[in-house]
Protein backbone atom coordinates (compact mmCIF):
# COMPACT_ATOMS: atom_id res chain seq x y z
CA MET A 1 33.93 40.84 -58.65
CA THR A 2 36.97 40.56 -60.93
CA GLU A 3 39.70 37.95 -60.60
CA PRO A 4 42.00 39.12 -57.79
CA ILE A 5 45.78 39.27 -57.72
CA ILE A 6 47.02 37.59 -54.56
CA SER A 7 50.31 37.72 -52.68
CA VAL A 8 52.05 34.44 -51.76
CA GLY A 9 54.96 34.32 -49.34
CA ILE A 10 57.61 32.03 -50.85
CA LYS A 11 60.79 32.56 -48.86
CA ILE A 12 62.11 34.48 -45.84
CA SER A 13 65.86 34.78 -45.43
CA GLU A 14 68.79 37.14 -44.81
CA LYS A 15 70.12 36.60 -48.36
CA ILE A 16 68.32 35.29 -51.40
CA THR A 17 69.66 34.06 -54.74
CA PHE A 18 67.21 34.03 -57.67
CA LEU A 19 67.12 33.84 -61.44
CA LEU A 20 64.99 35.85 -63.84
CA PHE A 21 64.09 34.03 -67.06
CA GLY A 22 62.85 36.43 -69.74
CA ASP A 23 62.62 40.18 -69.39
CA PHE A 24 61.49 41.82 -66.16
CA HIS A 25 61.20 45.52 -65.31
CA ILE A 26 61.03 47.49 -62.07
CA GLY A 27 58.21 50.00 -61.75
CA SER A 28 58.12 52.44 -64.69
CA GLU A 29 61.78 51.90 -65.60
CA THR A 30 62.56 51.08 -69.22
CA ALA A 31 65.53 48.91 -68.25
CA LEU A 32 64.99 45.18 -68.53
CA TYR A 33 66.48 42.63 -66.14
CA ASN A 34 67.23 38.93 -66.43
CA GLY A 35 69.78 36.33 -65.38
CA ILE A 36 71.23 35.40 -61.99
CA CYS A 37 70.56 37.83 -59.14
CA LYS A 38 71.24 38.20 -55.45
CA VAL A 39 69.60 40.35 -52.80
CA GLU A 40 70.70 41.05 -49.22
CA ILE A 41 70.28 43.67 -46.52
CA GLN A 42 72.88 46.40 -46.18
CA GLN A 43 72.41 49.33 -43.82
CA GLY A 44 68.70 48.60 -43.54
CA LYS A 45 68.09 48.63 -47.31
CA LEU A 46 67.68 46.00 -49.99
CA TYR A 47 70.92 45.69 -51.92
CA CYS A 48 70.28 43.79 -55.16
CA VAL A 49 72.79 42.69 -57.79
CA VAL A 50 71.62 41.58 -61.25
CA LYS A 51 74.30 39.85 -63.36
CA ASP A 52 77.04 41.61 -61.32
CA LYS A 53 75.35 45.01 -61.76
CA PRO A 54 74.18 46.57 -58.47
CA LEU A 55 70.81 48.34 -58.32
CA ASP A 56 70.14 51.39 -56.20
CA PRO A 57 69.46 50.47 -52.54
CA ALA A 58 65.70 50.33 -51.89
CA ASP A 59 63.08 49.51 -49.25
CA GLU A 60 61.07 47.45 -51.75
CA ILE A 61 61.75 45.96 -55.17
CA ILE A 62 59.13 44.46 -57.49
CA PHE A 63 60.30 42.62 -60.63
CA THR A 64 57.37 42.54 -63.07
CA PRO A 65 57.36 40.38 -66.22
CA SER A 66 57.25 42.44 -69.41
CA TYR A 67 54.84 40.18 -71.25
CA GLY A 68 53.53 37.87 -68.47
CA VAL A 69 53.33 34.75 -70.63
CA SER A 70 56.80 33.30 -71.08
CA GLU A 71 58.67 34.91 -68.17
CA TYR A 72 59.23 33.21 -64.85
CA PHE A 73 61.59 33.43 -61.89
CA THR A 74 63.37 30.77 -59.84
CA LEU A 75 64.24 30.91 -56.15
CA GLN A 76 66.94 28.71 -54.60
CA ASP A 77 66.53 26.72 -51.34
CA VAL A 78 62.77 27.10 -50.86
CA VAL A 79 61.63 25.14 -47.78
CA ILE A 80 58.69 22.77 -48.31
CA GLY A 81 57.04 20.68 -45.61
CA SER A 82 58.26 23.07 -42.91
CA HIS A 83 58.31 21.28 -39.52
CA PHE A 84 56.94 18.05 -41.06
CA HIS A 85 58.96 14.81 -41.10
CA TRP A 86 59.60 15.15 -44.84
CA GLU A 87 60.85 18.79 -44.71
CA LYS A 88 63.33 19.58 -47.50
CA ARG A 89 64.63 22.41 -49.70
CA GLU A 90 63.98 22.74 -53.40
CA LYS A 91 64.69 25.08 -56.30
CA GLU A 92 61.26 26.34 -57.43
CA SER A 93 60.04 28.47 -60.33
CA PHE A 94 57.01 30.78 -60.46
CA ARG A 95 55.10 32.99 -62.86
CA GLY A 96 53.93 36.49 -62.04
CA SER A 97 55.81 39.27 -60.25
CA LEU A 98 58.50 38.90 -57.59
CA LYS A 99 58.40 41.34 -54.71
CA PHE A 100 61.14 41.85 -52.10
CA PHE A 101 60.83 43.87 -48.88
CA ILE A 102 62.35 43.90 -45.40
CA ALA A 103 60.47 42.93 -42.24
CA GLU A 104 61.80 41.75 -38.88
CA ASN A 105 65.35 42.19 -40.28
CA LYS A 106 64.73 39.53 -42.93
CA ILE A 107 64.08 39.66 -46.66
CA TYR A 108 60.64 38.52 -47.74
CA ALA A 109 60.23 37.11 -51.24
CA VAL A 110 56.58 37.34 -52.30
CA ASN A 111 54.90 36.24 -55.52
CA LEU A 112 52.17 38.54 -56.90
CA ILE A 113 49.98 36.45 -59.18
CA HIS A 114 46.44 36.15 -60.54
CA LEU A 115 44.31 33.77 -58.48
CA GLU A 116 43.55 31.34 -61.33
CA GLU A 117 47.23 31.07 -62.29
CA TYR A 118 48.08 30.48 -58.63
CA LEU A 119 45.51 27.67 -58.42
CA LYS A 120 47.10 25.82 -61.34
CA SER A 121 50.25 25.45 -59.27
CA VAL A 122 48.33 24.67 -56.05
CA ILE A 123 46.33 21.85 -57.63
CA SER A 124 49.51 20.52 -59.27
CA SER A 125 51.31 20.64 -55.90
CA GLU A 126 48.49 19.13 -53.85
CA MET A 127 47.39 16.52 -56.39
CA ASN A 128 48.81 14.00 -58.82
CA PRO A 129 48.48 15.32 -62.40
CA LYS A 130 46.97 11.96 -63.40
CA CYS A 131 43.93 12.49 -61.19
CA ASN A 132 40.46 11.98 -62.51
CA PHE A 133 39.28 15.19 -64.18
CA ASN A 134 36.21 15.58 -61.93
CA LEU A 135 38.40 15.28 -58.84
CA LEU A 136 40.68 18.01 -60.18
CA LYS A 137 37.67 20.24 -60.82
CA ALA A 138 36.35 19.60 -57.32
CA HIS A 139 39.71 20.46 -55.78
CA SER A 140 39.94 23.61 -57.87
CA VAL A 141 36.64 24.81 -56.37
CA ILE A 142 37.57 24.09 -52.77
CA SER A 143 41.06 25.54 -53.05
CA ARG A 144 39.60 28.73 -54.57
CA SER A 145 36.92 28.84 -51.88
CA TRP A 146 39.32 28.30 -49.01
CA LEU A 147 41.69 31.02 -50.22
CA LEU A 148 39.01 33.65 -50.77
CA SER A 149 37.42 32.79 -47.41
CA GLN A 150 40.75 33.24 -45.62
CA ILE A 151 41.46 36.57 -47.32
CA GLU A 152 37.98 37.86 -46.50
CA ASN A 153 38.19 36.67 -42.90
CA THR A 154 41.53 38.40 -42.44
CA ARG A 155 40.11 41.65 -43.79
CA THR A 156 37.03 41.59 -41.59
CA ARG A 157 38.54 40.51 -38.30
CA GLY A 158 42.04 41.97 -38.26
CA VAL A 159 45.53 40.55 -38.25
CA ARG A 160 45.29 37.08 -36.72
CA HIS A 161 43.11 34.07 -37.31
CA ILE A 162 40.73 33.31 -34.45
CA GLY A 163 41.84 29.69 -34.46
CA VAL A 164 45.63 30.07 -34.14
CA ASN A 165 46.83 28.32 -31.01
CA ASN A 166 43.62 29.24 -29.21
CA GLY A 167 42.17 27.56 -26.17
CA TYR A 168 42.59 27.64 -22.42
CA ALA A 169 44.67 26.03 -19.71
CA ASN A 170 44.34 25.39 -16.00
CA GLU A 171 45.66 22.89 -13.50
CA SER A 172 43.41 20.08 -14.72
CA GLU A 173 43.00 20.76 -18.41
CA ILE A 174 44.83 22.13 -21.46
CA ILE A 175 42.69 22.66 -24.55
CA ARG A 176 44.30 24.06 -27.72
CA TRP A 177 43.40 24.16 -31.36
CA TYR A 178 45.56 25.18 -34.26
CA ASP A 179 44.55 26.83 -37.46
CA ARG A 180 46.16 28.66 -40.31
CA GLU A 181 47.90 31.81 -39.09
CA ASP A 182 47.00 34.99 -40.88
CA HIS A 183 50.16 36.40 -42.41
CA THR A 184 50.82 40.09 -41.87
CA HIS A 185 52.85 40.69 -45.01
CA PHE A 186 51.08 38.53 -47.63
CA ASP A 187 47.80 36.67 -48.18
CA VAL A 188 49.03 33.08 -47.92
CA CYS A 189 52.29 31.18 -47.60
CA ALA A 190 53.44 28.60 -50.11
CA ASP A 191 53.60 25.61 -47.77
CA ASP A 192 51.22 23.13 -46.14
CA HIS A 193 50.33 25.61 -43.39
CA CYS A 194 48.21 27.29 -46.08
CA GLN A 195 48.15 25.41 -49.40
CA ARG A 196 51.04 23.70 -51.16
CA TYR A 197 52.23 26.05 -53.88
CA GLN A 198 55.39 24.66 -55.45
CA GLY A 199 55.58 26.48 -58.72
CA ILE A 200 55.22 25.75 -62.40
CA ALA A 201 57.51 22.70 -62.43
CA LYS A 202 54.68 20.67 -60.87
CA ILE A 203 52.30 21.36 -63.79
CA HIS A 204 52.99 18.19 -65.78
CA SER A 205 49.57 17.76 -67.37
CA LYS A 206 47.16 19.89 -69.38
CA LEU A 207 44.32 18.42 -67.30
CA ILE A 208 45.08 20.66 -64.31
CA PRO A 209 45.00 24.00 -66.17
CA ASP A 210 41.83 22.79 -67.92
CA ALA A 211 40.21 21.88 -64.57
CA VAL A 212 41.01 25.32 -63.17
CA ASP A 213 39.85 27.09 -66.35
CA GLN A 214 36.57 25.15 -66.53
CA THR A 215 35.72 26.08 -62.93
CA ALA A 216 37.09 29.65 -63.08
CA GLY A 217 35.42 31.87 -60.49
CA MET A 218 33.42 29.02 -58.97
CA VAL A 219 33.29 28.75 -55.18
CA LEU A 220 31.23 27.04 -52.49
CA THR A 221 28.90 29.44 -50.69
CA TYR A 222 26.62 29.26 -47.66
CA HIS A 223 24.14 32.10 -47.08
CA ASP A 224 26.01 34.20 -49.70
CA THR A 225 29.34 33.78 -47.88
CA VAL A 226 32.28 31.91 -49.42
CA CYS A 227 32.87 28.66 -47.55
CA ASP A 228 35.99 27.91 -45.58
CA ALA A 229 36.35 24.66 -47.51
CA ARG A 230 38.58 22.42 -45.39
CA PHE A 231 39.77 18.98 -46.50
CA SER A 232 41.89 16.11 -45.24
CA LYS A 233 43.48 12.92 -46.53
CA CYS A 234 41.02 10.30 -45.25
CA CYS A 235 38.06 10.75 -42.92
CA GLY A 236 37.98 7.04 -41.98
CA GLY A 237 34.38 6.62 -43.06
CA ILE A 238 32.67 9.51 -41.28
CA SER A 239 33.80 13.13 -41.54
CA GLU A 240 34.22 15.40 -38.50
CA SER A 241 32.36 18.61 -37.65
CA PHE A 242 34.29 21.87 -37.72
CA GLU A 243 33.61 22.80 -34.09
CA ASN A 244 35.18 19.58 -32.80
CA ILE A 245 38.53 20.47 -34.36
CA TRP A 246 38.79 24.24 -34.25
CA GLN A 247 36.81 26.98 -32.49
CA ASP A 248 33.45 25.97 -31.02
CA THR A 249 31.24 27.84 -33.51
CA PRO A 250 29.66 25.29 -35.90
CA PHE A 251 29.83 25.77 -39.68
CA LYS A 252 26.75 24.09 -41.17
CA TYR A 253 28.56 23.23 -44.39
CA LEU A 254 31.29 21.46 -42.39
CA SER A 255 28.97 19.08 -40.58
CA SER A 256 29.68 15.37 -40.12
CA VAL A 257 28.65 13.09 -43.01
CA VAL A 258 28.91 9.35 -43.66
CA ASP A 259 31.32 8.86 -46.54
CA TYR A 260 28.88 6.93 -48.74
CA LYS A 261 25.58 7.39 -50.53
CA PHE A 262 23.75 5.72 -47.62
CA GLU A 263 24.60 4.57 -44.09
CA PRO A 264 26.19 1.14 -43.57
CA ASP A 265 23.74 -1.51 -42.32
CA GLU A 266 23.78 -3.03 -38.83
CA MET A 267 26.24 -0.56 -37.33
CA GLU A 268 25.72 2.03 -34.61
CA LEU A 269 27.06 5.28 -36.10
CA ASP A 270 27.09 7.46 -33.02
CA LEU A 271 30.86 7.27 -32.67
CA ARG A 272 30.84 9.54 -29.67
CA VAL A 273 30.03 6.33 -27.79
CA GLU A 274 33.18 4.34 -27.01
CA ALA A 275 31.72 0.91 -27.80
CA ASN A 276 30.46 2.10 -31.19
CA LEU A 277 33.85 3.58 -32.04
CA ILE A 278 35.61 0.32 -31.18
CA GLU A 279 33.23 -1.65 -33.39
CA TRP A 280 33.65 0.91 -36.19
CA VAL A 281 37.44 0.72 -36.12
CA HIS A 282 37.40 -3.09 -35.98
CA ASN A 283 35.18 -3.30 -39.05
CA SER A 284 35.75 -2.47 -42.71
CA PRO A 285 32.56 -0.57 -43.60
CA ASP A 286 31.60 -0.04 -47.24
CA VAL A 287 32.45 3.64 -47.59
CA PHE A 288 34.15 5.62 -50.34
CA CYS A 289 37.53 6.07 -48.59
CA ASN A 290 37.85 2.34 -47.81
CA THR A 291 39.98 1.44 -50.82
CA ASN A 292 43.16 -0.41 -51.70
CA ASP A 293 42.96 0.64 -55.37
CA LYS A 294 46.56 1.59 -56.14
CA LYS A 295 45.58 3.72 -59.13
CA VAL A 296 43.20 5.77 -56.99
CA ILE A 297 45.68 6.17 -54.12
CA GLU A 298 48.48 7.20 -56.48
CA GLN A 299 46.18 9.90 -57.87
CA ILE A 300 45.55 11.54 -54.52
CA LEU A 301 48.79 11.08 -52.61
CA PRO A 302 52.04 12.81 -53.61
CA GLU A 303 55.08 10.52 -53.75
CA HIS A 304 56.28 11.37 -50.21
CA ASP A 305 52.82 10.48 -48.82
CA GLN A 306 52.58 7.10 -50.57
CA ASN A 307 54.79 5.52 -47.89
CA THR A 308 51.68 5.53 -45.71
CA LYS A 309 49.70 2.43 -46.72
CA ASP A 310 47.28 1.89 -43.84
CA PHE A 311 45.45 5.19 -43.82
CA PHE A 312 41.88 3.82 -43.49
CA ARG A 313 42.62 1.61 -40.49
CA TRP A 314 45.95 1.67 -38.65
CA THR A 315 47.76 0.42 -35.54
CA VAL A 316 50.59 2.00 -33.56
CA SER A 317 52.30 0.39 -30.56
CA TYR A 318 54.32 1.95 -27.72
CA SER A 319 56.13 0.45 -24.79
CA GLN A 320 55.67 2.13 -21.40
CA THR A 321 59.15 3.60 -21.68
CA GLU A 322 58.53 4.94 -25.19
CA LEU A 323 55.14 6.44 -24.38
CA SER A 324 56.01 8.08 -21.07
CA LYS A 325 59.17 9.60 -22.57
CA LEU A 326 57.30 10.79 -25.67
CA ILE A 327 54.49 12.44 -23.70
CA ALA A 328 56.99 14.16 -21.39
CA GLU A 329 58.98 15.50 -24.35
CA LYS A 330 55.99 16.70 -26.35
CA SER A 331 53.94 18.14 -23.46
CA GLY A 332 56.76 19.41 -21.31
CA ILE A 333 55.11 17.69 -18.32
CA ASP A 334 56.52 14.76 -16.32
CA PHE A 335 53.53 12.46 -15.85
CA GLY A 336 55.77 9.65 -14.55
CA ASN A 337 54.68 6.23 -15.80
CA ILE A 338 51.51 6.32 -17.87
CA ILE A 339 48.71 4.41 -16.19
CA ASP A 340 45.88 5.17 -18.58
CA LEU A 341 44.70 7.28 -21.52
CA ILE A 342 40.97 7.90 -21.18
CA PRO A 343 38.79 9.47 -23.90
CA ILE A 344 36.60 12.04 -22.15
CA GLU A 345 34.85 13.35 -25.25
CA ARG A 346 34.68 12.23 -28.88
CA GLY A 347 33.43 13.95 -32.01
CA ASN A 348 30.99 12.62 -34.59
CA SER A 349 33.73 10.69 -36.44
CA GLY A 350 35.05 9.19 -33.21
CA ARG A 351 37.97 11.60 -33.09
CA ILE A 352 38.92 12.34 -29.49
CA ILE A 353 38.36 15.97 -28.54
CA ARG A 354 39.41 15.65 -24.89
CA LEU A 355 41.77 12.94 -23.59
CA LYS A 356 42.71 12.36 -19.95
CA ILE A 357 46.34 11.34 -19.44
CA VAL A 358 46.71 9.49 -16.13
CA GLY A 359 50.27 9.11 -14.82
CA THR A 360 51.90 8.11 -11.56
CA ASN A 361 52.92 11.74 -10.98
CA ARG A 362 49.83 13.58 -12.18
CA SER A 363 46.76 13.56 -14.42
CA LEU A 364 45.69 16.08 -17.05
CA ILE A 365 43.00 16.44 -19.71
CA VAL A 366 44.34 17.58 -23.14
CA GLY A 367 42.64 18.55 -26.41
CA LYS A 368 41.62 19.27 -29.13
CA GLU A 369 42.36 16.60 -31.72
CA LEU A 370 45.61 17.98 -33.14
CA GLU A 371 47.02 18.65 -29.67
CA ILE A 372 46.32 15.01 -28.83
CA ARG A 373 47.95 13.79 -32.04
CA LYS A 374 51.01 15.96 -31.42
CA ILE A 375 51.49 14.74 -27.84
CA LEU A 376 51.15 11.06 -28.75
CA SER A 377 53.56 10.95 -31.69
CA LYS A 378 57.00 12.23 -32.71
CA THR A 379 55.25 14.04 -35.57
CA HIS A 380 51.47 13.51 -35.64
CA LEU A 381 49.32 10.44 -35.16
CA TYR A 382 47.38 9.71 -38.33
CA SER A 383 44.20 10.86 -36.60
CA ALA A 384 42.56 11.17 -33.21
CA ALA A 385 39.93 8.53 -34.05
CA PHE A 386 41.46 5.68 -32.04
CA TYR A 387 40.96 3.47 -29.02
CA ILE A 388 43.69 2.02 -26.82
CA GLU A 389 44.46 -1.49 -25.66
CA LYS A 390 46.75 -1.95 -22.66
CA SER A 391 48.70 -5.13 -21.96
CA ASN A 392 51.41 -6.68 -19.76
CA ILE A 393 50.23 -4.82 -16.66
CA MET A 394 52.72 -4.91 -13.80
CA ASP A 395 51.78 -3.42 -10.41
CA GLY A 396 48.94 -1.55 -12.12
CA ILE A 397 51.20 -0.04 -14.77
CA PRO A 398 50.73 -1.18 -18.43
CA GLN A 399 53.97 -2.03 -20.20
CA GLU A 400 52.46 -1.78 -23.69
CA PHE A 401 49.87 0.46 -25.35
CA ILE A 402 48.31 -0.37 -28.72
CA PHE A 403 46.50 2.43 -30.60
CA ASN A 404 43.88 1.19 -33.09
CA GLY A 405 42.72 3.99 -35.31
CA ALA A 406 40.77 5.18 -38.33
CA GLY A 407 41.52 7.79 -40.95
CA TRP A 408 44.32 10.24 -41.68
CA GLY A 409 44.05 13.90 -40.77
CA HIS A 410 41.43 16.03 -39.03
CA GLY A 411 38.61 14.55 -41.12
CA ALA A 412 36.59 17.73 -41.74
CA GLY A 413 35.19 18.68 -45.13
CA LEU A 414 36.24 16.84 -48.26
CA CYS A 415 37.90 13.46 -47.77
CA GLN A 416 40.53 13.31 -50.52
CA ILE A 417 40.65 9.51 -50.74
CA GLY A 418 36.86 9.27 -50.67
CA ALA A 419 36.54 12.00 -53.31
CA ALA A 420 39.06 10.18 -55.53
CA VAL A 421 36.98 7.02 -55.29
CA MET A 422 33.81 8.95 -56.10
CA ALA A 423 35.43 10.46 -59.19
CA ALA A 424 36.67 7.04 -60.30
CA ARG A 425 33.11 5.72 -59.97
CA GLY A 426 31.75 8.40 -62.27
CA TYR A 427 30.48 11.10 -59.91
CA ASN A 428 30.64 14.63 -61.29
CA PHE A 429 32.62 17.33 -59.49
CA ASP A 430 29.48 19.06 -58.21
CA GLU A 431 28.13 15.79 -56.76
CA ILE A 432 31.44 15.23 -54.97
CA LEU A 433 31.43 18.71 -53.49
CA LEU A 434 27.82 18.67 -52.28
CA HIS A 435 28.33 15.24 -50.70
CA TYR A 436 31.02 16.55 -48.37
CA TYR A 437 29.87 20.15 -47.92
CA THR A 438 26.27 19.77 -46.82
CA ASN A 439 24.03 22.83 -47.09
CA ALA A 440 26.50 24.58 -49.43
CA LYS A 441 25.92 25.54 -53.07
CA ILE A 442 28.26 26.20 -55.99
CA THR A 443 28.33 29.85 -57.08
CA LYS A 444 30.28 31.59 -59.86
CA ILE A 445 31.43 34.95 -58.43
CA TYR A 446 33.48 36.21 -61.38
């Protein structure tokens, strides 16, 4: 296998303003293009103007750098954090080629770029450039693995991912899980729905290109198949199994693991049992991701994520009015006053897979973990590994609900906080990877 060129969807709009820095050409043309440019749709064609000079209308335009080393392009108003609480627009610059085409009456701006060059921006966008070098190397391997796995899965099974908004619904139960959506017109998008890819401006340190270069072509494999290497912010002390978050088919390399070199003493670790989960959340077990080390946290969390301090153990409170209104808005169902929230099924990390909402108007079981987190928060609860305390009960109706939880994110695969602690303690990148991805091995495929 040779290093692939991948396509990354950067922006979709009716009009796009961009800048070409250096010399770019189109196809086999000898003319060179640079400077400020605009593209819009006119009479079903791309109408592009470069430095006030219009190009011939076209169905597709690809600006290719002449040398590929010094050239780059910049797109205005690129959305990052789409649909998240910190959503914003930025001006972003990218290396490689810039492709425009029309689909669904919109202009698509797509970056064509070598995989290793793409990864340098991904790792820079996902991670702090001051990260420990072994953590950067570990993240390079899982980002490369995840991407190649998604591309291969799309090729083999068709247009859409099997995990996108899948599930079932009936009068008593709604079960949904959400996964990355396969994109019809490019391999991956540039936002959190795939992997953060925010351009060359994020590459502030030589460490990141070195980490990518030193692991070039390395992926995690299981039975000669590239692993779908998931990761989350903080597992809370025990990672979750794939099948408890997405489709029901287990992935052996995404099994639940205790986030330490051995199991904590004197604790029952079957967190599928309610009493064990409550004890687990109340305690502060000695695990990798249980840290208050500011230097470690700053390495792993981008600036907009550092506002979240209590990611290992957390508490959220709702009044009856707040909770009943929130659940009605997010679910589209009027439960009336909320009488109880009952965990019906938990995963290995204690994350709730199926939750029964009991209201004065009706009851309903919901799942899986992200659906639960979406319904119980304006954005997302930190995780679904929580238990609930009810208080101030009047006529059988609680007036306050306190959520006591563990971890941040779905909890499957690599725990970023835990991996950062491992790296800080001297673990090599391969030791970090094989701790979280049991049964996998590291393979160089090109």
